[in-house]
Every structure is written in structure tokens, then in C-alpha cells.
C-alpha atoms as a PDB file:
ATOM      1  CA  MET A   1       0.061  -0.100  -0.085  1.00  0.00           C
ATOM      2  CA  PRO A   2       0.989   3.437  -0.942  1.00  0.00           C
ATOM      3  CA  GLY A   3       3.141   4.451   2.554  1.00  0.00           C
ATOM      4  CA  GLU A   4       3.745   1.209   3.788  1.00  0.00           C
ATOM      5  CA  GLU A   5       7.500   0.663   5.006  1.00  0.00           C
ATOM      6  CA  LEU A   6       9.018  -2.184   3.138  1.00  0.00           C
ATOM      7  CA  GLY A   7      11.542  -2.982   6.019  1.00  0.00           C
ATOM      8  CA  ASP A   8      14.468  -3.370   3.834  1.00  0.00           C
ATOM      9  CA  SER A   9      17.121  -2.158   5.517  1.00  0.00           C
ATOM     10  CA  GLY A  10      20.644  -2.503   3.504  1.00  0.00           C
ATOM     11  CA  PHE A  11      18.781  -2.292   0.200  1.00  0.00           C
ATOM     12  CA  ARG A  12      18.373   0.932  -1.960  1.00  0.00           C
ATOM     13  CA  PRO A  13      15.056   2.639  -3.087  1.00  0.00           C
ATOM     14  CA  GLY A  14      14.085   1.432  -6.538  1.00  0.00           C
ATOM     15  CA  THR A  15      10.612   1.793  -8.413  1.00  0.00           C
ATOM     16  CA  GLY A  16       7.894   2.873  -6.825  1.00  0.00           C
ATOM     17  CA  THR A  17       9.356   3.740  -3.923  1.00  0.00           C
ATOM     18  CA  TYR A  18      10.911   6.701  -1.708  1.00  0.00           C
ATOM     19  CA  ARG A  19      13.022   7.238   1.613  1.00  0.00           C
ATOM     20  CA  LYS A  20      12.511   8.925   4.337  1.00  0.00           C
ATOM     21  CA  ASP A  21      14.569   9.187   7.505  1.00  0.00           C
ATOM     22  CA  GLY A  22      16.561   6.510   6.379  1.00  0.00           C
ATOM     23  CA  ARG A  23      13.448   4.120   5.675  1.00  0.00           C
ATOM     24  CA  ILE A  24      12.075   2.906   2.226  1.00  0.00           C
ATOM     25  CA  PHE A  25       8.541   3.413   1.665  1.00  0.00           C
ATOM     26  CA  ALA A  26       5.783   2.397  -1.216  1.00  0.00           C
ATOM     27  CA  ALA A  27       4.928   4.949  -3.561  1.00  0.00           C
ATOM     28  CA  GLN A  28       2.072   3.155  -5.118  1.00  0.00           C
ATOM     29  CA  LEU A  29       0.113   0.376  -4.807  1.00  0.00           C
ATOM     30  CA  GLY A  30       1.714  -2.931  -6.306  1.00  0.00           C
ATOM     31  CA  LEU A  31       4.288  -5.920  -5.332  1.00  0.00           C
ATOM     32  CA  LYS A  32       7.076  -5.629  -3.316  1.00  0.00           C
ATOM     33  CA  ASN A  33       9.931  -6.850  -5.917  1.00  0.00           C
ATOM     34  CA  ILE A  34      13.624  -6.497  -4.566  1.00  0.00           C
ATOM     35  CA  ARG A  35      16.360  -6.908  -7.797  1.00  0.00           C
ATOM     36  CA  SER A  36      19.953  -6.324  -7.877  1.00  0.00           C
ATOM     37  CA  GLY A  37      20.072  -4.468  -4.811  1.00  0.00           C
ATOM     38  CA  PHE A  38      16.882  -2.446  -5.079  1.00  0.00           C
ATOM     39  CA  VAL A  39      13.526  -2.676  -3.464  1.00  0.00           C
ATOM     40  CA  ASN A  40      10.955  -1.960  -6.047  1.00  0.00           C
ATOM     41  CA  VAL A  41       7.026  -1.787  -6.011  1.00  0.00           C
ATOM     42  CA  ILE A  42       5.552  -3.013  -9.420  1.00  0.00           C
ATOM     43  CA  PRO A  43       2.222  -1.218 -10.243  1.00  0.00           C
ATOM     44  CA  LEU A  44      -0.818  -3.728  -9.972  1.00  0.00           C
ATOM     45  CA  ALA A  45      -2.664  -1.501 -12.925  1.00  0.00           C
ATOM     46  CA  GLY A  46      -1.023  -0.173 -16.230  1.00  0.00           C
ATOM     47  CA  ARG A  47       1.113  -1.135 -18.807  1.00  0.00           C
ATOM     48  CA  TYR A  48       4.893  -2.326 -18.885  1.00  0.00           C
ATOM     49  CA  GLN A  49       7.377  -0.013 -18.377  1.00  0.00           C
ATOM     50  CA  PRO A  50      10.775  -0.362 -20.015  1.00  0.00           C
ATOM     51  CA  ARG A  51      13.780  -0.140 -17.979  1.00  0.00           C
ATOM     52  CA  GLN A  52      17.691  -0.896 -18.974  1.00  0.00           C
ATOM     53  CA  GLY A  53      18.685  -4.047 -18.386  1.00  0.00           C
ATOM     54  CA  ASP A  54      15.362  -6.104 -18.410  1.00  0.00           C
ATOM     55  CA  SER A  55      15.173  -9.260 -20.009  1.00  0.00           C
ATOM     56  CA  VAL A  56      12.123  -9.251 -22.170  1.00  0.00           C
ATOM     57  CA  ILE A  57      10.460 -11.528 -24.992  1.00  0.00           C
ATOM     58  CA  GLY A  58       9.201  -9.850 -28.043  1.00  0.00           C
ATOM     59  CA  MET A  59       7.293 -10.532 -31.393  1.00  0.00           C
ATOM     60  CA  VAL A  60       8.472  -8.791 -34.966  1.00  0.00           C
ATOM     61  CA  GLN A  61       6.371  -6.385 -36.024  1.00  0.00           C
ATOM     62  CA  ASP A  62       7.966  -4.822 -39.426  1.00  0.00           C
ATOM     63  CA  VAL A  63      11.347  -5.385 -40.893  1.00  0.00           C
ATOM     64  CA  GLY A  64      13.573  -2.796 -42.282  1.00  0.00           C
ATOM     65  CA  PRO A  65      16.959  -2.690 -43.713  1.00  0.00           C
ATOM     66  CA  SER A  66      19.190  -3.243 -41.224  1.00  0.00           C
ATOM     67  CA  ASN A  67      16.612  -3.486 -38.008  1.00  0.00           C
ATOM     68  CA  TRP A  68      13.464  -5.067 -36.879  1.00  0.00           C
ATOM     69  CA  MET A  69      10.409  -3.035 -34.720  1.00  0.00           C
ATOM     70  CA  VAL A  70       9.384  -5.516 -31.828  1.00  0.00           C
ATOM     71  CA  ASP A  71       6.391  -5.529 -29.833  1.00  0.00           C
ATOM     72  CA  ILE A  72       7.684  -6.051 -26.537  1.00  0.00           C
ATOM     73  CA  ASN A  73       4.082  -5.424 -24.705  1.00  0.00           C
ATOM     74  CA  CYS A  74       4.830  -1.784 -23.915  1.00  0.00           C
ATOM     75  CA  PRO A  75       3.287   1.766 -24.840  1.00  0.00           C
ATOM     76  CA  TYR A  76       6.285   2.416 -26.888  1.00  0.00           C
ATOM     77  CA  THR A  77       7.882   1.855 -30.518  1.00  0.00           C
ATOM     78  CA  SER A  78      10.904  -0.885 -30.028  1.00  0.00           C
ATOM     79  CA  PHE A  79      13.581  -1.283 -32.259  1.00  0.00           C
ATOM     80  CA  LEU A  80      16.225  -3.965 -32.473  1.00  0.00           C
ATOM     81  CA  HIS A  81      19.358  -2.799 -35.111  1.00  0.00           C
ATOM     82  CA  ALA A  82      21.263  -5.600 -36.679  1.00  0.00           C
ATOM     83  CA  ASN A  83      24.563  -3.949 -34.949  1.00  0.00           C
ATOM     84  CA  GLU A  84      22.839  -5.306 -31.560  1.00  0.00           C
ATOM     85  CA  THR A  85      22.652  -8.677 -32.659  1.00  0.00           C
ATOM     86  CA  GLN A  86      25.500 -11.539 -32.754  1.00  0.00           C
ATOM     87  CA  TRP A  87      24.787 -11.992 -36.649  1.00  0.00           C
ATOM     88  CA  LYS A  88      26.572 -10.066 -39.446  1.00  0.00           C
ATOM     89  CA  VAL A  89      23.525  -8.671 -41.226  1.00  0.00           C
ATOM     90  CA  ASP A  90      24.207  -7.185 -44.722  1.00  0.00           C
ATOM     91  CA  PHE A  91      22.339  -4.160 -45.598  1.00  0.00           C
ATOM     92  CA  GLY A  92      18.928  -4.935 -46.725  1.00  0.00           C
ATOM     93  CA  ALA A  93      19.277  -8.290 -45.729  1.00  0.00           C
ATOM     94  CA  ALA A  94      17.442  -8.290 -42.157  1.00  0.00           C
ATOM     95  CA  SER A  95      14.587 -10.513 -43.188  1.00  0.00           C
ATOM     96  CA  GLN A  96      16.832 -13.586 -43.837  1.00  0.00           C
ATOM     97  CA  PHE A  97      17.587 -13.434 -39.521  1.00  0.00           C
ATOM     98  CA  LEU A  98      14.327 -12.307 -38.446  1.00  0.00           C
ATOM     99  CA  ALA A  99      10.740 -12.060 -40.248  1.00  0.00           C
ATOM    100  CA  VAL A 100       7.688 -10.636 -39.141  1.00  0.00           C
ATOM    101  CA  GLY A 101       6.200 -12.487 -36.158  1.00  0.00           C
ATOM    102  CA  ASP A 102       9.064 -14.297 -35.110  1.00  0.00           C
ATOM    103  CA  THR A 103       9.760 -13.994 -31.100  1.00  0.00           C
ATOM    104  CA  VAL A 104      13.332 -12.958 -29.853  1.00  0.00           C
ATOM    105  CA  LEU A 105      14.538 -13.167 -26.485  1.00  0.00           C
ATOM    106  CA  ALA A 106      16.281  -9.948 -25.467  1.00  0.00           C
ATOM    107  CA  LYS A 107      16.951  -7.312 -23.391  1.00  0.00           C
ATOM    108  CA  ILE A 108      16.463  -3.587 -23.225  1.00  0.00           C
ATOM    109  CA  GLY A 109      19.462  -1.907 -24.027  1.00  0.00           C
ATOM    110  CA  THR A 110      18.524   1.762 -23.961  1.00  0.00           C
ATOM    111  CA  VAL A 111      15.554   3.805 -23.094  1.00  0.00           C
ATOM    112  CA  ASP A 112      15.929   7.446 -24.393  1.00  0.00           C
ATOM    113  CA  GLU A 113      14.257  10.760 -23.294  1.00  0.00           C
ATOM    114  CA  ILE A 114      11.315  10.022 -25.485  1.00  0.00           C
ATOM    115  CA  LYS A 115      10.798   6.877 -24.452  1.00  0.00           C
ATOM    116  CA  ARG A 116      12.258   5.424 -27.271  1.00  0.00           C
ATOM    117  CA  VAL A 117      13.653   1.699 -26.841  1.00  0.00           C
ATOM    118  CA  ASN A 118      16.440  -0.100 -28.260  1.00  0.00           C
ATOM    119  CA  LEU A 119      16.891  -4.082 -27.595  1.00  0.00           C
ATOM    120  CA  THR A 120      20.180  -5.872 -27.738  1.00  0.00           C
ATOM    121  CA  MET A 121      20.648  -9.432 -28.576  1.00  0.00           C
ATOM    122  CA  LYS A 122      24.343  -9.251 -27.877  1.00  0.00           C
ATOM    123  CA  GLU A 123      24.682 -11.107 -24.433  1.00  0.00           C
ATOM    124  CA  GLN A 124      24.931 -14.922 -24.506  1.00  0.00           C
ATOM    125  CA  GLY A 125      21.397 -16.480 -24.264  1.00  0.00           C
ATOM    126  CA  LEU A 126      19.807 -14.205 -26.411  1.00  0.00           C
ATOM    127  CA  ARG A 127      18.296 -15.676 -29.677  1.00  0.00           C
ATOM    128  CA  LYS A 128      15.383 -16.153 -31.781  1.00  0.00           C
ATOM    129  CA  LEU A 129      13.056 -18.232 -29.676  1.00  0.00           C
ATOM    130  CA  ALA A 130      11.639 -21.314 -32.255  1.00  0.00           C
ATOM    131  CA  ASN A 131       8.285 -23.145 -31.802  1.00  0.00           C
ATOM    132  CA  GLY A 132       7.054 -22.787 -28.272  1.00  0.00           C
ATOM    133  CA  GLN A 133       3.749 -20.952 -27.182  1.00  0.00           C
ATOM    134  CA  ILE A 134       3.256 -17.711 -25.899  1.00  0.00           C
ATOM    135  CA  LEU A 135       1.378 -16.666 -22.919  1.00  0.00           C
ATOM    136  CA  LYS A 136       1.106 -13.492 -21.398  1.00  0.00           C
ATOM    137  CA  VAL A 137       0.480 -12.380 -17.825  1.00  0.00           C
ATOM    138  CA  PRO A 138       0.466  -8.817 -16.264  1.00  0.00           C
ATOM    139  CA  HIS A 139       3.782  -7.706 -15.664  1.00  0.00           C
ATOM    140  CA  SER A 140       3.264  -7.166 -12.244  1.00  0.00           C
ATOM    141  CA  LYS A 141       2.672 -10.848 -11.639  1.00  0.00           C
ATOM    142  CA  VAL A 142       5.840 -11.958 -12.974  1.00  0.00           C
ATOM    143  CA  PRO A 143       7.759 -12.083  -9.615  1.00  0.00           C
ATOM    144  CA  ARG A 144       5.196 -14.863  -8.249  1.00  0.00           C
ATOM    145  CA  VAL A 145       5.499 -16.901 -11.812  1.00  0.00           C
ATOM    146  CA  ILE A 146       9.107 -16.674 -11.153  1.00  0.00           C
ATOM    147  CA  GLY A 147       8.988 -17.035  -7.171  1.00  0.00           C
ATOM    148  CA  ARG A 148      11.711 -16.173  -4.499  1.00  0.00           C
ATOM    149  CA  GLY A 149      15.324 -17.354  -5.903  1.00  0.00           C
ATOM    150  CA  GLY A 150      13.405 -18.776  -8.882  1.00  0.00           C
ATOM    151  CA  SER A 151      11.455 -21.224  -6.636  1.00  0.00           C
ATOM    152  CA  MET A 152       8.519 -21.443  -8.457  1.00  0.00           C
ATOM    153  CA  ILE A 153       9.645 -21.683 -12.028  1.00  0.00           C
ATOM    154  CA  SER A 154      12.099 -24.023 -11.036  1.00  0.00           C
ATOM    155  CA  MET A 155       9.009 -26.130 -10.012  1.00  0.00           C
ATOM    156  CA  LEU A 156       7.058 -25.388 -13.145  1.00  0.00           C
ATOM    157  CA  LYS A 157      10.033 -26.831 -15.164  1.00  0.00           C
ATOM    158  CA  GLU A 158      10.442 -30.213 -13.215  1.00  0.00           C
ATOM    159  CA  HIS A 159       6.868 -30.927 -13.374  1.00  0.00           C
ATOM    160  CA  THR A 160       6.245 -30.049 -16.719  1.00  0.00           C
ATOM    161  CA  GLY A 161       9.514 -31.153 -18.591  1.00  0.00           C
ATOM    162  CA  CYS A 162       9.033 -27.544 -20.215  1.00  0.00           C
ATOM    163  CA  ARG A 163      11.369 -25.121 -21.269  1.00  0.00           C
ATOM    164  CA  ILE A 164      10.339 -21.588 -19.705  1.00  0.00           C
ATOM    165  CA  PHE A 165      11.719 -18.285 -20.501  1.00  0.00           C
ATOM    166  CA  VAL A 166       9.512 -15.197 -18.466  1.00  0.00           C
ATOM    167  CA  GLY A 167      10.228 -11.985 -19.600  1.00  0.00           C
ATOM    168  CA  GLN A 168      10.304  -9.101 -17.297  1.00  0.00           C
ATOM    169  CA  ASN A 169       7.427  -7.315 -19.717  1.00  0.00           C
ATOM    170  CA  GLY A 170       4.637 -10.376 -18.503  1.00  0.00           C
ATOM    171  CA  VAL A 171       5.502 -12.659 -21.822  1.00  0.00           C
ATOM    172  CA  VAL A 172       6.140 -15.902 -21.173  1.00  0.00           C
ATOM    173  CA  TRP A 173       7.387 -18.537 -23.632  1.00  0.00           C
ATOM    174  CA  ILE A 174       6.531 -22.609 -22.992  1.00  0.00           C
ATOM    175  CA  ASP A 175       8.464 -24.923 -25.353  1.00  0.00           C
ATOM    176  CA  GLY A 176       7.637 -28.928 -24.742  1.00  0.00           C
ATOM    177  CA  GLU A 177       5.531 -31.588 -24.954  1.00  0.00           C
ATOM    178  CA  LEU A 178       1.845 -30.864 -25.503  1.00  0.00           C
ATOM    179  CA  GLY A 179       0.811 -32.337 -22.385  1.00  0.00           C
ATOM    180  CA  GLY A 180       3.457 -30.522 -20.515  1.00  0.00           C
ATOM    181  CA  ILE A 181       2.707 -27.100 -22.592  1.00  0.00           C
ATOM    182  CA  ALA A 182      -0.904 -27.504 -21.206  1.00  0.00           C
ATOM    183  CA  LEU A 183      -0.124 -28.192 -17.903  1.00  0.00           C
ATOM    184  CA  ALA A 184       2.729 -25.261 -17.589  1.00  0.00           C
ATOM    185  CA  THR A 185       0.056 -23.019 -19.119  1.00  0.00           C
ATOM    186  CA  ALA A 186      -2.842 -24.037 -16.254  1.00  0.00           C
ATOM    187  CA  ALA A 187      -0.311 -23.586 -13.629  1.00  0.00           C
ATOM    188  CA  ILE A 188       0.710 -19.916 -14.426  1.00  0.00           C
ATOM    189  CA  ASN A 189      -3.019 -19.124 -14.770  1.00  0.00           C
ATOM    190  CA  MET A 190      -3.137 -20.423 -11.448  1.00  0.00           C
ATOM    191  CA  ILE A 191      -0.825 -17.938 -10.299  1.00  0.00           C
ATOM    192  CA  ASP A 192      -2.031 -14.988 -12.020  1.00  0.00           C
ATOM    193  CA  ARG A 193      -5.265 -15.702 -10.376  1.00  0.00           C
ATOM    194  CA  GLY A 194      -4.124 -16.514  -6.920  1.00  0.00           C
ATOM    195  CA  THR A 195      -1.312 -13.787  -6.657  1.00  0.00           C
ATOM    196  CA  HIS A 196      -2.364 -12.647  -3.311  1.00  0.00           C
ATOM    197  CA  ARG A 197      -3.087 -15.757  -1.765  1.00  0.00           C
ATOM    198  CA  ASP A 198      -1.270 -17.266   0.980  1.00  0.00           C
ATOM    199  CA  GLY A 199       0.208 -20.628   0.441  1.00  0.00           C
ATOM    200  CA  LEU A 200       0.161 -20.148  -3.260  1.00  0.00           C
ATOM    201  CA  THR A 201       3.513 -22.199  -3.899  1.00  0.00           C
ATOM    202  CA  GLU A 202       1.698 -24.839  -1.893  1.00  0.00           C
ATOM    203  CA  SER A 203      -1.360 -24.970  -3.952  1.00  0.00           C
ATOM    204  CA  VAL A 204       0.426 -25.042  -7.065  1.00  0.00           C
ATOM    205  CA  ARG A 205       2.780 -27.522  -6.012  1.00  0.00           C
ATOM    206  CA  ALA A 206       0.083 -29.977  -5.037  1.00  0.00           C
ATOM    207  CA  PHE A 207      -1.799 -28.859  -8.464  1.00  0.00           C
ATOM    208  CA  LEU A 208       1.163 -30.259 -10.654  1.00  0.00           C
ATOM    209  CA  GLU A 209       1.712 -33.383  -8.524  1.00  0.00           C
ATOM    210  CA  LYS A 210      -1.702 -34.434  -9.208  1.00  0.00           C
ATOM    211  CA  SER A 211      -1.385 -34.033 -12.934  1.00  0.00           C
ATOM    212  CA  PRO A 212       0.707 -36.599 -15.114  1.00  0.00           C
ATOM    213  CA  GLY A 213       4.064 -35.071 -15.374  1.00  0.00           C
ATOM    214  CA  THR A 214       6.178 -35.191 -18.872  1.00  0.00           C
ATOM    215  CA  GLY A 215       9.599 -36.587 -17.763  1.00  0.00           C
ATOM    216  CA  ALA A 216      12.473 -34.138 -16.651  1.00  0.00           C
ATOM    217  CA  PRO A 217      13.792 -31.271 -19.068  1.00  0.00           C
ATOM    218  CA  GLY A 218      16.540 -31.888 -21.172  1.00  0.00           C
ATOM    219  CA  PRO A 219      19.921 -30.006 -20.354  1.00  0.00           C
ATOM    220  CA  GLU A 220      18.662 -27.234 -22.429  1.00  0.00           C
ATOM    221  CA  ARG A 221      16.371 -26.117 -19.738  1.00  0.00           C
ATOM    222  CA  GLU A 222      16.638 -22.151 -19.031  1.00  0.00           C
ATOM    223  CA  GLN A 223      14.896 -19.627 -17.465  1.00  0.00           C
END
């Protein structure tokens, strides 16, 4: 709640918070999230607001000679330039690497003063995501889908046998056997509906354990 003390001494105030008399308070209604030494409050309403360094999942909307326009589920135009990939892209050949409708795992490189978002795929693990299924949740629910220390997402992977990536923009990519994808989708929808419930992790575990599993994921598992 706005004005509620967050009780996180040793952390710095982040998005949606303020410091007063050496203590950190919530500036808006939302969910507390601790990340990289900052305590943040993610608003329960409104669209995703991109921040530098966020991992996001986006869909290519348009292709230029040397860049791509990417929908990352936010109000602003987002671009991925060929120089921000690990590919050697000749001018005019961008469509040979990514086409309209392709899904990418990227990071927010920069957000300028007029809210133009530049993406990057130069870091290890960032890439085009082939196959799989896209699921969207409110961006404020992402910390619950991931869980403390990655506990929730690890449990989902273990019981469904799926590879799962969760973007900070609320877009989730799931890949695996059809039964595993269906189970993961149902569990994530359950998390979405029950974000404020006590004992959510145990409820999701019980749901997964009652459902037939699809085996452990292979060595390429990633979040």
C-alpha cells in the first residue's frame, strides 16, 4: 500500500518507492520486488514500463533494411538494430534473419528521453525463440511466476518437462511436449489468479503433483 514501510534495510529505493528518515516506503499500490540491490514496487495496474537491463520477450512487427520493430508489450516503439545482434547482417538482408511474427528473447539496451526503446541480443543466451507457445500475464505478476530465488519457475520446469522463459514484460514462452505445455499454462494461469493468496506455492505444487508429468527437462533448460 502507498506509505507502507518495506522494511528492507541494506537495499536502495527503486521504482515505485521513496526513502524518508533512512527508511524505504511504497509510493504506489503494487507488489514488492527486490532486484540487484534495489527494492521496487511493481504497480498492479498499467502496462509494462521498459527499464534498461530488463529481459523481455517480443514479437517482430516490421522489418527494415538493418533493423526490426519489435512488440514488447509496452506503450512505446521498440527497435532491434542489426549491430545489436550476434549476426553479420548485410544492409537490406535483415529479413533473412528475423521475419514478421518471429519471437525473440532480448534485453532492454537503452530507453531515451522520448521513450524510444532499443533492444539488444548481443549477450549470451539471447536469441530467436523457435516453436513453443506464448502466454501473457500482467507484468506485475512476473515475480510470483518466477518465485523467490527462482523457486516457482524451477518447480514448473521440473513437473512439466518444459523449457520456460519469463520476460519482465509479462510475456512467457513455453516449449515442450503438448501435455507439458498445457500443464505449465494451467499452472501459470493459476498463479496469475492467486497472486495475493497465502500458500500459493504449496497450492501450485499440489496441482502439479496431481497432474501426470511429462518427464524432466533436458540439459538445455533455461529461465
